[in-house]
Amino acid sequence: MTEPMTTADGVAFLRTPEANFAALADFPHAPRFVDFEGLRMAYVDVGPQDGPVALLMHGMPTWGFLNRRIIDALAAAGWRCIAADHIGFGRSDKPTDPAWYSIARHTRAHRRLIETLELKDITLFCQDWGGPIGLAQAADMPDRFARLVIMNTWLHHAAYDYTPALRSWNQNWKAGGLFAENIPVPLSIGWFMMLSLGHMAREDLFGIVQGKGPPALAVAGDAARRGYDAPFEGLGDAGLTGARRFPLSLPFDNPEGGAAEDQARHFEVLKGWKKPLNFVWGGADNIFTEAWGRAWAAMYAQATFDLFPEAGHFLQDTHGEEIARIVLGHIAAGR
């Protein structure tokens, strides 16, 4: 078991051993780190340093690994790709006190990254919690951003209608809920992701919970499972503190922790966004639906909307190369 560490300010945290990531053949990128409140925030910087900048942001319960296929495709096209792991995820440090985490703090951490690296003319790729955290940067520092690529996410505002699936997700991370009681044992984050990515059926998930053991996976599926498990393996329940806080920070349930007022302000500010704006959506997502994505895109005269009807919530994993190709096509066409 990994031993806890403490910052100079007394914040206890865990640090995932780098050996956990050594066997990830499809994510060979060495981590770099920026300091945030005495903690290491990990990121990768892939591609030519003088290329156009892509900032790729993940959500719950993933890390930079989620964007690996977009990163590879953009880097091959000459782009510089920056993908950080939120504190509590990936190769970033993981505070063990739930009270440490808030959406406002995650937002400040990413602002530190952008300012430290002096990033400009950024194309933002955001999904899930990467939406509120990433779009906050564009709302507050618009001069640093050239284009927004928005995928299966949201910004809280008074008119937003939270889906039953999202409300169920929130409940299942509360005491007594399916995920609260069964992650990390017997159901790891990696096995949860296998369900979400279509590598196993819901019956398989309940089979794991009931002690029947995991199903056999194809080689590609097992490689992905190991990638999503790597940040948390050997850290025990305390290592998942940050992951647990995201579903418990949804603004309808936790307005302060979820930065409800800030999100609503950013939503209003970004209504005035005049630069390129590309929506790319997974149509099979019951968390952030196609109807919502289309309604959001319709608020902008310049917005494009591309749909993968069969893609679910984590479309960067299943359609990463296609997403990169679509965005590069829009750029070439001047839209």
Protein backbone atom coordinates (compact mmCIF):
# COMPACT_ATOMS: atom_id res chain seq x y z
CA MET A 1 0.00 0.00 0.00
CA THR A 2 1.30 3.46 -0.90
CA GLU A 3 2.19 5.54 2.15
CA PRO A 4 0.57 8.98 2.56
CA MET A 5 2.60 12.17 2.23
CA THR A 6 1.93 15.69 3.51
CA THR A 7 2.38 19.13 1.96
CA ALA A 8 4.07 21.96 3.85
CA ASP A 9 0.57 23.22 4.69
CA GLY A 10 -0.42 19.89 6.21
CA VAL A 11 -2.52 18.48 3.34
CA ALA A 12 -2.30 14.68 3.35
CA PHE A 13 -2.11 13.08 -0.08
CA LEU A 14 -1.20 9.93 -1.95
CA ARG A 15 1.08 9.72 -4.97
CA THR A 16 0.59 6.91 -7.46
CA PRO A 17 3.87 5.04 -8.16
CA GLU A 18 5.11 5.71 -11.68
CA ALA A 19 5.53 1.94 -12.08
CA ASN A 20 1.72 1.71 -12.33
CA PHE A 21 1.93 3.41 -15.73
CA ALA A 22 4.98 1.63 -17.14
CA ALA A 23 3.11 -0.95 -19.20
CA LEU A 24 0.71 1.42 -20.98
CA ALA A 25 1.95 0.92 -24.52
CA ASP A 26 -0.67 3.25 -26.05
CA PHE A 27 0.15 6.14 -23.69
CA PRO A 28 3.97 6.31 -23.61
CA HIS A 29 4.16 10.02 -22.82
CA ALA A 30 6.34 11.02 -19.89
CA PRO A 31 4.64 13.18 -17.27
CA ARG A 32 5.61 16.72 -16.42
CA PHE A 33 4.44 18.55 -13.32
CA VAL A 34 3.28 21.97 -12.21
CA ASP A 35 2.98 22.88 -8.53
CA PHE A 36 -0.45 23.75 -7.18
CA GLU A 37 -0.77 24.45 -3.46
CA GLY A 38 2.20 22.20 -2.74
CA LEU A 39 0.81 19.33 -4.82
CA ARG A 40 2.02 17.97 -8.14
CA MET A 41 -0.41 18.39 -11.00
CA ALA A 42 0.67 16.09 -13.82
CA TYR A 43 0.39 16.81 -17.51
CA VAL A 44 1.80 15.59 -20.80
CA ASP A 45 3.16 17.89 -23.49
CA VAL A 46 3.19 16.04 -26.82
CA GLY A 47 4.09 17.27 -30.28
CA PRO A 48 6.17 20.15 -31.62
CA GLN A 49 6.55 23.06 -29.22
CA ASP A 50 5.85 25.57 -31.97
CA GLY A 51 2.67 23.87 -33.17
CA PRO A 52 -0.89 25.12 -32.60
CA VAL A 53 -1.92 24.36 -29.02
CA ALA A 54 -4.59 21.86 -28.02
CA LEU A 55 -5.62 21.74 -24.35
CA LEU A 56 -7.43 18.47 -23.69
CA MET A 57 -9.41 18.07 -20.49
CA HIS A 58 -10.90 14.94 -18.96
CA GLY A 59 -13.65 14.37 -16.42
CA MET A 60 -14.84 11.63 -14.07
CA PRO A 61 -13.39 9.01 -13.50
CA THR A 62 -10.68 9.26 -16.15
CA TRP A 63 -7.35 11.02 -16.77
CA GLY A 64 -5.25 12.20 -19.72
CA PHE A 65 -5.23 8.63 -21.00
CA LEU A 66 -8.84 9.17 -22.16
CA ASN A 67 -7.63 11.61 -24.83
CA ARG A 68 -4.75 9.45 -26.09
CA ARG A 69 -6.17 8.92 -29.58
CA ILE A 70 -6.93 12.61 -30.13
CA ILE A 71 -3.44 13.45 -28.87
CA ASP A 72 -1.75 11.02 -31.24
CA ALA A 73 -3.74 12.24 -34.24
CA LEU A 74 -3.19 15.94 -33.53
CA ALA A 75 0.51 15.52 -32.71
CA ALA A 76 0.98 13.67 -36.00
CA ALA A 77 -0.60 16.70 -37.71
CA GLY A 78 1.92 19.03 -36.07
CA TRP A 79 0.00 20.15 -33.00
CA ARG A 80 1.29 20.67 -29.47
CA CYS A 81 -1.05 18.76 -27.15
CA ILE A 82 -1.31 19.55 -23.43
CA ALA A 83 -3.37 17.15 -21.33
CA ALA A 84 -3.35 17.51 -17.55
CA ASP A 85 -4.74 15.20 -14.89
CA HIS A 86 -7.01 16.93 -12.42
CA ILE A 87 -5.72 16.77 -8.86
CA GLY A 88 -6.94 13.42 -7.49
CA PHE A 89 -6.68 11.70 -10.88
CA GLY A 90 -4.07 10.15 -13.16
CA ARG A 91 -0.49 10.90 -12.20
CA SER A 92 -1.45 13.98 -10.17
CA ASP A 93 -1.29 13.91 -6.37
CA LYS A 94 -4.42 12.76 -4.57
CA PRO A 95 -5.45 14.57 -1.36
CA THR A 96 -7.28 12.23 0.98
CA ASP A 97 -9.53 14.81 2.67
CA PRO A 98 -12.85 15.14 0.78
CA ALA A 99 -13.12 18.76 1.93
CA TRP A 100 -10.03 19.67 -0.12
CA TYR A 101 -11.92 19.19 -3.39
CA SER A 102 -14.15 21.72 -5.11
CA ILE A 103 -14.80 22.68 -8.71
CA ALA A 104 -13.45 26.17 -7.98
CA ARG A 105 -10.17 24.61 -6.83
CA HIS A 106 -9.91 22.38 -9.90
CA THR A 107 -10.52 25.50 -12.00
CA ARG A 108 -7.74 27.42 -10.25
CA ALA A 109 -5.37 24.50 -10.77
CA HIS A 110 -5.93 24.53 -14.52
CA ARG A 111 -5.52 28.28 -14.63
CA ARG A 112 -2.13 27.78 -12.93
CA LEU A 113 -1.18 25.30 -15.67
CA ILE A 114 -2.19 27.65 -18.49
CA GLU A 115 -0.38 30.62 -16.99
CA THR A 116 2.73 28.63 -16.04
CA LEU A 117 3.09 27.27 -19.57
CA GLU A 118 2.11 30.65 -21.05
CA LEU A 119 -0.36 28.97 -23.38
CA LYS A 120 -1.97 31.12 -26.10
CA ASP A 121 -4.21 30.60 -29.13
CA ILE A 122 -5.56 27.51 -27.42
CA THR A 123 -8.03 25.07 -28.93
CA LEU A 124 -9.88 23.61 -25.95
CA PHE A 125 -11.17 20.02 -26.09
CA CYS A 126 -13.47 19.42 -23.11
CA GLN A 127 -15.89 16.72 -21.96
CA ASP A 128 -17.73 15.82 -18.73
CA TRP A 129 -16.26 17.83 -15.78
CA GLY A 130 -13.65 19.12 -18.20
CA GLY A 131 -16.49 21.28 -19.54
CA PRO A 132 -17.18 23.45 -16.47
CA ILE A 133 -13.49 23.53 -15.54
CA GLY A 134 -12.19 24.19 -19.06
CA LEU A 135 -14.90 26.57 -20.22
CA ALA A 136 -14.26 28.62 -17.07
CA GLN A 137 -10.81 29.34 -18.50
CA ALA A 138 -12.25 30.51 -21.81
CA ALA A 139 -14.84 32.69 -20.05
CA ASP A 140 -12.29 34.31 -17.74
CA MET A 141 -9.30 34.42 -20.11
CA PRO A 142 -10.85 34.62 -23.60
CA ASP A 143 -7.76 36.19 -25.17
CA ARG A 144 -5.84 32.94 -24.59
CA PHE A 145 -8.35 30.81 -26.54
CA ALA A 146 -8.88 30.53 -30.30
CA ARG A 147 -11.47 27.73 -30.55
CA LEU A 148 -13.72 25.61 -28.33
CA VAL A 149 -14.42 21.93 -29.00
CA ILE A 150 -17.26 20.86 -26.70
CA MET A 151 -18.10 17.17 -26.22
CA ASN A 152 -20.84 15.69 -24.00
CA THR A 153 -20.72 18.16 -21.15
CA TRP A 154 -22.66 21.11 -19.74
CA LEU A 155 -22.55 24.34 -17.81
CA HIS A 156 -24.97 24.70 -14.92
CA HIS A 157 -27.60 27.43 -15.28
CA ALA A 158 -31.15 27.95 -14.08
CA ALA A 159 -32.78 26.47 -17.18
CA TYR A 160 -30.60 23.36 -17.35
CA ASP A 161 -32.60 20.14 -16.93
CA TYR A 162 -30.51 17.43 -15.25
CA THR A 163 -31.29 14.02 -16.71
CA PRO A 164 -32.55 11.09 -14.62
CA ALA A 165 -29.32 9.27 -15.49
CA LEU A 166 -27.21 12.08 -14.00
CA ARG A 167 -29.35 12.23 -10.88
CA SER A 168 -29.00 8.45 -10.50
CA TRP A 169 -25.21 8.78 -10.95
CA ASN A 170 -25.15 11.27 -8.08
CA GLN A 171 -27.21 8.99 -5.83
CA ASN A 172 -25.09 5.94 -6.57
CA TRP A 173 -22.02 7.69 -5.13
CA LYS A 174 -23.78 8.50 -1.86
CA ALA A 175 -23.69 6.19 1.18
CA GLY A 176 -25.41 2.94 0.31
CA GLY A 177 -25.21 3.56 -3.45
CA LEU A 178 -23.93 0.98 -5.93
CA PHE A 179 -20.61 2.68 -6.65
CA ALA A 180 -20.07 4.08 -3.18
CA GLU A 181 -20.27 0.58 -1.73
CA ASN A 182 -18.50 -1.42 -4.46
CA ILE A 183 -15.65 0.76 -5.76
CA PRO A 184 -12.73 0.05 -5.47
CA VAL A 185 -13.66 -3.47 -4.27
CA PRO A 186 -14.87 -5.56 -5.97
CA LEU A 187 -15.60 -3.15 -8.83
CA SER A 188 -12.59 -1.08 -9.87
CA ILE A 189 -12.70 2.11 -11.92
CA GLY A 190 -11.30 0.17 -14.86
CA TRP A 191 -14.11 -2.35 -14.78
CA PHE A 192 -16.69 0.42 -14.52
CA MET A 193 -15.14 1.97 -17.64
CA MET A 194 -15.42 -1.35 -19.48
CA LEU A 195 -19.19 -1.14 -19.08
CA SER A 196 -19.28 2.50 -20.20
CA LEU A 197 -17.10 1.78 -23.26
CA GLY A 198 -19.11 -1.26 -24.33
CA HIS A 199 -16.48 -3.90 -23.54
CA MET A 200 -18.86 -5.74 -21.24
CA ALA A 201 -22.59 -5.95 -20.48
CA ARG A 202 -24.44 -4.61 -17.45
CA GLU A 203 -24.97 -8.23 -16.35
CA ASP A 204 -21.18 -8.59 -16.19
CA LEU A 205 -20.93 -5.57 -13.88
CA PHE A 206 -23.49 -7.02 -11.49
CA GLY A 207 -21.72 -10.36 -11.73
CA ILE A 208 -18.54 -8.70 -10.42
CA VAL A 209 -20.49 -7.06 -7.59
CA GLN A 210 -22.07 -10.41 -6.72
CA GLY A 211 -18.67 -12.08 -6.50
CA LYS A 212 -18.83 -14.01 -9.76
CA GLY A 213 -15.59 -12.45 -11.02
CA PRO A 214 -14.90 -10.29 -14.07
CA PRO A 215 -15.56 -11.39 -17.65
CA ALA A 216 -12.83 -12.14 -20.14
CA LEU A 217 -11.90 -9.16 -22.29
CA ALA A 218 -10.40 -8.85 -25.73
CA VAL A 219 -6.79 -7.60 -25.80
CA ALA A 220 -7.76 -4.01 -26.62
CA GLY A 221 -10.39 -3.91 -23.91
CA ASP A 222 -8.05 -5.27 -21.27
CA ALA A 223 -5.39 -2.73 -22.24
CA ALA A 224 -7.92 0.06 -21.77
CA ARG A 225 -9.05 -1.38 -18.42
CA ARG A 226 -5.46 -1.40 -17.16
CA GLY A 227 -5.05 2.19 -18.31
CA TYR A 228 -8.05 3.42 -16.38
CA ASP A 229 -7.14 1.38 -13.29
CA ALA A 230 -3.48 2.46 -13.24
CA PRO A 231 -3.91 5.76 -11.32
CA PHE A 232 -5.73 4.11 -8.41
CA GLU A 233 -4.15 0.66 -8.18
CA GLY A 234 -2.65 0.04 -4.74
CA LEU A 235 -4.00 3.27 -3.21
CA GLY A 236 -7.08 1.77 -1.57
CA ASP A 237 -10.28 3.68 -0.93
CA ALA A 238 -8.43 6.86 0.14
CA GLY A 239 -6.91 7.15 -3.31
CA LEU A 240 -10.38 7.53 -4.81
CA THR A 241 -11.33 10.55 -2.72
CA GLY A 242 -11.10 12.97 -5.64
CA ALA A 243 -13.04 10.65 -7.91
CA ARG A 244 -15.82 10.38 -5.33
CA ARG A 245 -16.08 14.16 -5.01
CA PHE A 246 -16.91 14.81 -8.66
CA PRO A 247 -20.35 13.09 -8.67
CA LEU A 248 -21.06 14.61 -5.25
CA SER A 249 -20.28 18.11 -6.60
CA LEU A 250 -23.14 18.31 -9.09
CA PRO A 251 -24.71 21.74 -8.59
CA PHE A 252 -28.28 20.51 -8.14
CA ASP A 253 -27.04 18.58 -5.08
CA ASN A 254 -24.04 20.66 -3.96
CA PRO A 255 -24.24 24.23 -5.32
CA GLU A 256 -21.21 25.50 -3.40
CA GLY A 257 -18.88 22.58 -4.13
CA GLY A 258 -20.06 22.49 -7.73
CA ALA A 259 -19.50 26.23 -8.26
CA ALA A 260 -23.10 26.70 -9.39
CA GLU A 261 -22.93 30.50 -9.46
CA ASP A 262 -19.64 30.53 -11.34
CA GLN A 263 -20.92 28.01 -13.87
CA ALA A 264 -24.05 30.08 -14.51
CA ARG A 265 -21.91 33.19 -14.95
CA HIS A 266 -19.60 31.40 -17.39
CA PHE A 267 -22.61 30.15 -19.35
CA GLU A 268 -23.86 33.73 -19.75
CA VAL A 269 -20.42 35.10 -20.62
CA LEU A 270 -19.87 32.46 -23.27
CA LYS A 271 -23.16 33.29 -24.96
CA GLY A 272 -21.13 36.14 -26.44
CA TRP A 273 -18.40 33.83 -27.83
CA LYS A 274 -17.71 34.87 -31.45
CA LYS A 275 -14.72 32.65 -32.25
CA PRO A 276 -14.98 29.17 -33.79
CA LEU A 277 -17.03 26.68 -31.81
CA ASN A 278 -17.31 22.99 -32.67
CA PHE A 279 -19.70 20.65 -30.86
CA VAL A 280 -18.86 16.96 -31.25
CA TRP A 281 -21.35 14.67 -29.54
CA GLY A 282 -21.92 11.06 -28.63
CA GLY A 283 -25.57 10.37 -29.40
CA ALA A 284 -25.93 7.30 -27.19
CA ASP A 285 -25.09 9.23 -23.99
CA ASN A 286 -27.99 9.33 -21.52
CA ILE A 287 -26.10 11.72 -19.22
CA PHE A 288 -25.66 14.63 -21.66
CA THR A 289 -28.13 13.94 -24.41
CA GLU A 290 -28.04 14.73 -28.11
CA ALA A 291 -31.04 17.03 -27.62
CA TRP A 292 -29.12 19.11 -25.09
CA GLY A 293 -26.01 19.26 -27.27
CA ARG A 294 -28.03 20.43 -30.27
CA ALA A 295 -29.90 23.03 -28.20
CA TRP A 296 -26.60 24.40 -26.85
CA ALA A 297 -25.01 24.54 -30.30
CA ALA A 298 -28.09 26.33 -31.67
CA MET A 299 -27.29 29.30 -29.42
CA TYR A 300 -24.35 30.18 -31.71
CA ALA A 301 -24.58 31.22 -35.33
CA GLN A 302 -21.03 30.01 -36.03
CA ALA A 303 -21.25 26.65 -34.23
CA THR A 304 -20.91 23.30 -35.99
CA PHE A 305 -22.49 20.13 -34.61
CA ASP A 306 -21.13 16.68 -35.46
CA LEU A 307 -22.80 13.57 -34.11
CA PHE A 308 -21.59 10.01 -33.60
CA PRO A 309 -24.99 8.34 -33.10
CA GLU A 310 -23.51 5.17 -31.60
CA ALA A 311 -20.98 6.86 -29.31
CA GLY A 312 -21.54 7.04 -25.59
CA HIS A 313 -20.32 9.40 -22.91
CA PHE A 314 -16.59 8.70 -23.38
CA LEU A 315 -16.38 9.37 -27.10
CA GLN A 316 -12.71 10.43 -26.94
CA ASP A 317 -11.82 6.79 -26.24
CA THR A 318 -14.03 5.23 -28.87
CA HIS A 319 -13.83 7.93 -31.59
CA GLY A 320 -10.67 9.90 -30.82
CA GLU A 321 -9.11 9.77 -34.28
CA GLU A 322 -12.42 10.74 -35.91
CA ILE A 323 -12.84 13.68 -33.51
CA ALA A 324 -9.40 14.98 -34.45
CA ARG A 325 -10.15 14.56 -38.15
CA ILE A 326 -13.46 16.44 -37.83
CA VAL A 327 -11.89 19.35 -35.96
CA LEU A 328 -8.97 19.59 -38.38
CA GLY A 329 -11.49 19.60 -41.21
CA HIS A 330 -13.42 22.48 -39.67
CA ILE A 331 -10.21 24.43 -39.22
CA ALA A 332 -9.20 23.85 -42.84
CA ALA A 333 -12.63 25.01 -43.96
CA GLY A 334 -12.49 28.13 -41.78
CA ARG A 335 -15.39 27.22 -39.52
